[in-house]
Amino acid sequence: MLFSGLLYGCGVLVTALSASLPVVAAVSVATGAGWLVTLSTLNTSMQLTLSAWVRARKGTLVPAASLLVVGAASLSLLPLLPDTGRVDRTVSAHWPEPALVFDTVGDTGPVLAEIAYEVFEVPTWDEHLRQHHERTTGFDQQVLDRVRALSRTEPRSRHLLPARSAAARG
């Protein structure tokens, strides 16, 4: 453990101070080996000393936390799309208001919304209305406009509510 830690530390130091690519490449291999030995030793020690229920949770939480940190760190260096800064994120209430046969309440649900080319379910009527008025952005509008341009007719939409809801019973 001590040797592999020293090997890793020396490798990082040489990498920081060297301007030679072959030297850095060779040192990186040794540094990586030192890191793997350290990581394997620590992991083995934990497996041998921790109880079974802790080991079970560690097996899922450590990789999840690691991926979360790596993902957060990489976003500033590697944005998901080169033009994400130019995406229109303003709220766009472009969906037509649904015509209801009866009055409904906000927590009625689930709601099945069908638009000629897609069907989706949302948990409540309030959530569906939030999609109409708060959650759809200008970028979403551009995507929907491109989809509608592929259709010969304007998409029909309808909304299905559960028969067991208080609003549906009147």
Protein backbone atom coordinates (compact mmCIF):
# COMPACT_ATOMS: atom_id res chain seq x y z
CA MET A 1 0.00 0.00 0.00
CA LEU A 2 2.82 2.39 0.94
CA PHE A 3 4.80 1.53 -2.20
CA SER A 4 1.83 1.93 -4.53
CA GLY A 5 0.91 5.25 -2.89
CA LEU A 6 4.46 6.53 -3.34
CA LEU A 7 4.50 5.27 -6.94
CA TYR A 8 1.27 7.16 -7.66
CA GLY A 9 2.52 10.35 -5.98
CA CYS A 10 5.85 10.29 -7.86
CA GLY A 11 4.02 9.66 -11.12
CA VAL A 12 1.78 12.66 -10.62
CA LEU A 13 4.80 14.81 -9.77
CA VAL A 14 6.76 13.68 -12.86
CA THR A 15 3.69 14.23 -15.06
CA ALA A 16 3.31 17.78 -13.73
CA LEU A 17 6.97 18.67 -14.24
CA SER A 18 7.82 16.86 -17.49
CA ALA A 19 7.32 18.30 -20.97
CA SER A 20 8.24 15.05 -22.76
CA LEU A 21 5.32 13.03 -24.10
CA PRO A 22 7.15 9.64 -24.03
CA VAL A 23 8.20 10.20 -20.41
CA VAL A 24 4.67 11.20 -19.38
CA ALA A 25 3.20 8.19 -21.22
CA ALA A 26 5.58 5.76 -19.50
CA VAL A 27 5.03 7.34 -16.10
CA SER A 28 1.26 7.27 -16.63
CA VAL A 29 1.34 3.49 -16.99
CA ALA A 30 3.26 3.15 -13.71
CA THR A 31 1.00 5.72 -12.04
CA GLY A 32 -2.09 3.84 -13.19
CA ALA A 33 -0.67 0.58 -11.83
CA GLY A 34 -0.01 2.24 -8.47
CA TRP A 35 -3.55 3.61 -8.41
CA LEU A 36 -5.06 0.21 -9.24
CA VAL A 37 -3.05 -1.55 -6.53
CA THR A 38 -4.10 1.05 -3.96
CA LEU A 39 -7.75 0.89 -5.02
CA SER A 40 -7.77 -2.92 -5.05
CA THR A 41 -6.13 -3.13 -1.62
CA LEU A 42 -8.61 -0.68 -0.09
CA ASN A 43 -11.55 -2.43 -1.72
CA THR A 44 -10.39 -5.85 -0.51
CA SER A 45 -9.89 -4.53 3.02
CA MET A 46 -13.40 -3.10 3.04
CA GLN A 47 -14.90 -6.33 1.73
CA LEU A 48 -13.19 -8.33 4.48
CA THR A 49 -14.10 -6.02 7.37
CA LEU A 50 -17.59 -4.68 6.59
CA SER A 51 -20.77 -6.57 7.41
CA ALA A 52 -22.86 -8.03 4.58
CA TRP A 53 -25.60 -5.38 4.61
CA VAL A 54 -23.02 -2.56 4.39
CA ARG A 55 -21.19 -4.31 1.54
CA ALA A 56 -24.48 -4.65 -0.36
CA ARG A 57 -25.16 -0.92 -0.15
CA LYS A 58 -21.59 0.05 -0.91
CA GLY A 59 -21.81 -1.95 -4.12
CA THR A 60 -24.49 0.37 -5.47
CA LEU A 61 -23.89 3.69 -3.75
CA VAL A 62 -20.17 4.10 -4.46
CA PRO A 63 -20.50 3.65 -8.25
CA ALA A 64 -23.57 5.90 -8.32
CA ALA A 65 -21.82 8.63 -6.34
CA SER A 66 -18.70 8.30 -8.49
CA LEU A 67 -20.68 8.64 -11.71
CA LEU A 68 -22.52 11.64 -10.30
CA VAL A 69 -19.25 13.40 -9.47
CA VAL A 70 -17.69 12.53 -12.83
CA GLY A 71 -20.81 13.70 -14.68
CA ALA A 72 -20.96 16.99 -12.79
CA ALA A 73 -17.25 17.62 -13.32
CA SER A 74 -17.36 16.82 -17.02
CA LEU A 75 -20.26 19.14 -17.88
CA SER A 76 -18.09 22.24 -17.69
CA LEU A 77 -15.43 20.64 -19.88
CA LEU A 78 -17.63 18.63 -22.24
CA PRO A 79 -21.07 20.19 -22.76
CA LEU A 80 -23.73 17.80 -24.00
CA LEU A 81 -24.42 19.81 -27.15
CA PRO A 82 -22.20 22.48 -28.68
CA ASP A 83 -25.14 24.88 -29.01
CA THR A 84 -26.85 24.34 -25.64
CA GLY A 85 -26.22 27.96 -24.73
CA ARG A 86 -28.46 29.02 -27.62
CA VAL A 87 -31.43 26.74 -26.85
CA ASP A 88 -34.63 28.71 -26.25
CA ARG A 89 -35.64 27.85 -22.67
CA THR A 90 -38.47 30.36 -22.32
CA VAL A 91 -41.86 28.90 -21.40
CA SER A 92 -44.09 28.41 -24.43
CA ALA A 93 -47.81 27.76 -23.88
CA HIS A 94 -48.46 26.58 -27.44
CA TRP A 95 -50.75 23.63 -26.83
CA PRO A 96 -54.46 24.18 -27.46
CA GLU A 97 -56.66 24.24 -24.38
CA PRO A 98 -58.50 20.93 -23.97
CA ALA A 99 -62.28 21.06 -24.43
CA LEU A 100 -63.89 19.30 -21.47
CA VAL A 101 -67.37 17.78 -21.36
CA PHE A 102 -67.50 18.18 -17.56
CA ASP A 103 -65.71 20.21 -14.91
CA THR A 104 -62.67 18.56 -13.40
CA VAL A 105 -60.51 19.16 -10.36
CA GLY A 106 -56.74 19.47 -10.35
CA ASP A 107 -55.95 16.18 -8.64
CA THR A 108 -58.06 14.10 -11.03
CA GLY A 109 -55.86 11.49 -12.58
CA PRO A 110 -54.22 9.78 -14.20
CA VAL A 111 -54.76 11.68 -17.45
CA LEU A 112 -54.09 9.99 -20.79
CA ALA A 113 -53.31 12.64 -23.41
CA GLU A 114 -53.31 11.52 -27.04
CA ILE A 115 -52.05 13.64 -29.91
CA ALA A 116 -52.31 11.95 -33.31
CA TYR A 117 -48.64 10.93 -33.34
CA GLU A 118 -48.03 10.35 -29.61
CA VAL A 119 -49.76 9.14 -26.45
CA PHE A 120 -48.54 9.94 -22.96
CA GLU A 121 -49.85 9.58 -19.43
CA VAL A 122 -49.36 12.07 -16.62
CA PRO A 123 -50.28 11.48 -12.98
CA THR A 124 -52.85 14.28 -12.52
CA TRP A 125 -54.83 16.92 -14.37
CA ASP A 126 -52.81 19.66 -12.63
CA GLU A 127 -49.58 18.14 -13.96
CA HIS A 128 -51.04 18.05 -17.46
CA LEU A 129 -52.01 21.72 -17.22
CA ARG A 130 -48.47 22.53 -16.03
CA GLN A 131 -47.22 20.93 -19.25
CA HIS A 132 -49.50 23.25 -21.19
CA HIS A 133 -48.55 26.45 -19.38
CA GLU A 134 -45.22 26.05 -17.55
CA ARG A 135 -43.08 23.14 -18.70
CA THR A 136 -42.88 23.47 -22.47
CA THR A 137 -40.03 25.66 -23.73
CA GLY A 138 -39.40 27.51 -26.96
CA PHE A 139 -37.04 24.71 -27.99
CA ASP A 140 -39.85 22.19 -27.43
CA GLN A 141 -42.05 24.37 -29.63
CA GLN A 142 -39.46 24.26 -32.41
CA VAL A 143 -39.30 20.46 -32.22
CA LEU A 144 -43.12 20.17 -32.30
CA ASP A 145 -43.27 22.56 -35.27
CA ARG A 146 -40.83 20.32 -37.16
CA VAL A 147 -42.93 17.25 -36.28
CA ARG A 148 -46.14 18.98 -37.40
CA ALA A 149 -44.46 19.96 -40.68
CA LEU A 150 -44.16 16.24 -41.46
CA SER A 151 -47.93 15.75 -41.13
CA ARG A 152 -50.47 16.55 -43.85
CA THR A 153 -53.15 17.47 -41.33
CA GLU A 154 -53.11 19.20 -37.95
CA PRO A 155 -52.83 16.53 -35.23
CA ARG A 156 -56.05 15.73 -33.35
CA SER A 157 -55.85 15.63 -29.59
CA ARG A 158 -58.09 14.16 -26.92
CA HIS A 159 -57.81 13.70 -23.18
CA LEU A 160 -59.06 10.66 -21.28
CA LEU A 161 -59.79 10.85 -17.58
CA PRO A 162 -60.59 7.94 -15.27
CA ALA A 163 -64.29 7.08 -14.90
CA ARG A 164 -63.82 6.66 -11.15
CA SER A 165 -62.90 10.34 -10.62
CA ALA A 166 -65.33 12.57 -8.71
CA ALA A 167 -65.34 15.08 -11.58
CA ALA A 168 -66.30 12.41 -14.14
CA ARG A 169 -69.23 11.24 -12.02
CA GLY A 170 -70.59 14.80 -11.87
